Amino acid sequence: MPKPQKNSNDLSAANLLRSLRCCGGCAPLHTIKFSNVAIQSLLDRNLVKVQNTGCDFLLEIVEEMQ
């Protein structure tokens, strides 16, 4: 049975999440070169959050409770 295909937005969101993990869990929002759709997808799924630092906005991975 063929695997269901993921759309390009899901793949971009997954790549963005992997990229954030490699950068220590956060990155300045203005430096992220992924589409707004990929960022919004992660925000909608509560996987990341935007933090206002006072002089910049950071996109950071939400800590997982285990």
C-alpha atoms as a PDB file:
ATOM      1  CA  MET A   1       0.000   0.000   0.000  1.00  0.00           C
ATOM      2  CA  PRO A   2       1.519   3.373  -0.946  1.00  0.00           C
ATOM      3  CA  LYS A   3       2.470   5.815   1.765  1.00  0.00           C
ATOM      4  CA  PRO A   4       0.311   8.935   2.001  1.00  0.00           C
ATOM      5  CA  GLN A   5       2.117  11.882   0.492  1.00  0.00           C
ATOM      6  CA  LYS A   6       2.959  14.831   2.686  1.00  0.00           C
ATOM      7  CA  ASN A   7       2.454  18.224   1.180  1.00  0.00           C
ATOM      8  CA  SER A   8       5.346  20.635   0.828  1.00  0.00           C
ATOM      9  CA  ASN A   9       4.135  22.789   3.729  1.00  0.00           C
ATOM     10  CA  ASP A  10       4.358  19.821   6.115  1.00  0.00           C
ATOM     11  CA  LEU A  11       7.856  19.046   4.883  1.00  0.00           C
ATOM     12  CA  SER A  12       8.928  22.681   5.268  1.00  0.00           C
ATOM     13  CA  ALA A  13       7.516  22.772   8.800  1.00  0.00           C
ATOM     14  CA  ALA A  14       9.368  19.561   9.671  1.00  0.00           C
ATOM     15  CA  ASN A  15      12.611  20.982   8.246  1.00  0.00           C
ATOM     16  CA  LEU A  16      12.117  24.200  10.212  1.00  0.00           C
ATOM     17  CA  LEU A  17      11.577  22.260  13.432  1.00  0.00           C
ATOM     18  CA  ARG A  18      14.727  20.211  12.764  1.00  0.00           C
ATOM     19  CA  SER A  19      16.639  23.417  12.039  1.00  0.00           C
ATOM     20  CA  LEU A  20      15.493  24.969  15.318  1.00  0.00           C
ATOM     21  CA  ARG A  21      16.592  21.864  17.217  1.00  0.00           C
ATOM     22  CA  CYS A  22      20.050  22.151  15.643  1.00  0.00           C
ATOM     23  CA  CYS A  23      20.255  25.834  16.666  1.00  0.00           C
ATOM     24  CA  GLY A  24      19.698  25.128  20.349  1.00  0.00           C
ATOM     25  CA  GLY A  25      15.900  25.353  20.287  1.00  0.00           C
ATOM     26  CA  CYS A  26      15.414  28.960  19.226  1.00  0.00           C
ATOM     27  CA  ALA A  27      16.308  31.474  16.546  1.00  0.00           C
ATOM     28  CA  PRO A  28      15.587  35.156  15.881  1.00  0.00           C
ATOM     29  CA  LEU A  29      12.433  35.354  13.801  1.00  0.00           C
ATOM     30  CA  HIS A  30      13.985  37.727  11.239  1.00  0.00           C
ATOM     31  CA  THR A  31      16.746  35.215  10.421  1.00  0.00           C
ATOM     32  CA  ILE A  32      14.409  32.343   9.564  1.00  0.00           C
ATOM     33  CA  LYS A  33      14.287  31.724   5.815  1.00  0.00           C
ATOM     34  CA  PHE A  34      11.228  29.453   5.838  1.00  0.00           C
ATOM     35  CA  SER A  35       7.796  30.437   4.594  1.00  0.00           C
ATOM     36  CA  ASN A  36       5.220  32.064   6.848  1.00  0.00           C
ATOM     37  CA  VAL A  37       2.997  29.037   6.199  1.00  0.00           C
ATOM     38  CA  ALA A  38       5.612  26.690   7.682  1.00  0.00           C
ATOM     39  CA  ILE A  39       6.033  28.909  10.749  1.00  0.00           C
ATOM     40  CA  GLN A  40       2.263  29.249  11.199  1.00  0.00           C
ATOM     41  CA  SER A  41       1.841  25.482  10.874  1.00  0.00           C
ATOM     42  CA  LEU A  42       4.194  24.902  13.819  1.00  0.00           C
ATOM     43  CA  LEU A  43       2.502  27.652  15.834  1.00  0.00           C
ATOM     44  CA  ASP A  44      -0.951  26.141  15.181  1.00  0.00           C
ATOM     45  CA  ARG A  45       0.241  22.751  16.416  1.00  0.00           C
ATOM     46  CA  ASN A  46       1.750  24.368  19.547  1.00  0.00           C
ATOM     47  CA  LEU A  47       5.209  23.017  18.720  1.00  0.00           C
ATOM     48  CA  VAL A  48       6.846  26.460  18.802  1.00  0.00           C
ATOM     49  CA  LYS A  49       6.106  29.854  20.295  1.00  0.00           C
ATOM     50  CA  VAL A  50       7.159  33.424  19.597  1.00  0.00           C
ATOM     51  CA  GLN A  51       8.843  35.279  22.435  1.00  0.00           C
ATOM     52  CA  ASN A  52       9.301  39.053  22.521  1.00  0.00           C
ATOM     53  CA  THR A  53      12.720  39.809  24.034  1.00  0.00           C
ATOM     54  CA  GLY A  54      12.219  43.579  23.990  1.00  0.00           C
ATOM     55  CA  CYS A  55      14.486  44.179  21.026  1.00  0.00           C
ATOM     56  CA  ASP A  56      13.743  41.121  18.895  1.00  0.00           C
ATOM     57  CA  PHE A  57      11.329  38.237  18.453  1.00  0.00           C
ATOM     58  CA  LEU A  58      12.511  34.657  18.940  1.00  0.00           C
ATOM     59  CA  LEU A  59      10.910  31.536  17.551  1.00  0.00           C
ATOM     60  CA  GLU A  60      11.514  28.799  20.093  1.00  0.00           C
ATOM     61  CA  ILE A  61      10.515  25.191  20.550  1.00  0.00           C
ATOM     62  CA  VAL A  62       7.904  24.624  23.245  1.00  0.00           C
ATOM     63  CA  GLU A  63       9.300  22.479  26.033  1.00  0.00           C
ATOM     64  CA  GLU A  64       7.746  19.036  26.009  1.00  0.00           C
ATOM     65  CA  MET A  65       6.500  17.771  29.361  1.00  0.00           C
ATOM     66  CA  GLN A  66       7.500  14.152  29.958  1.00  0.00           C
END
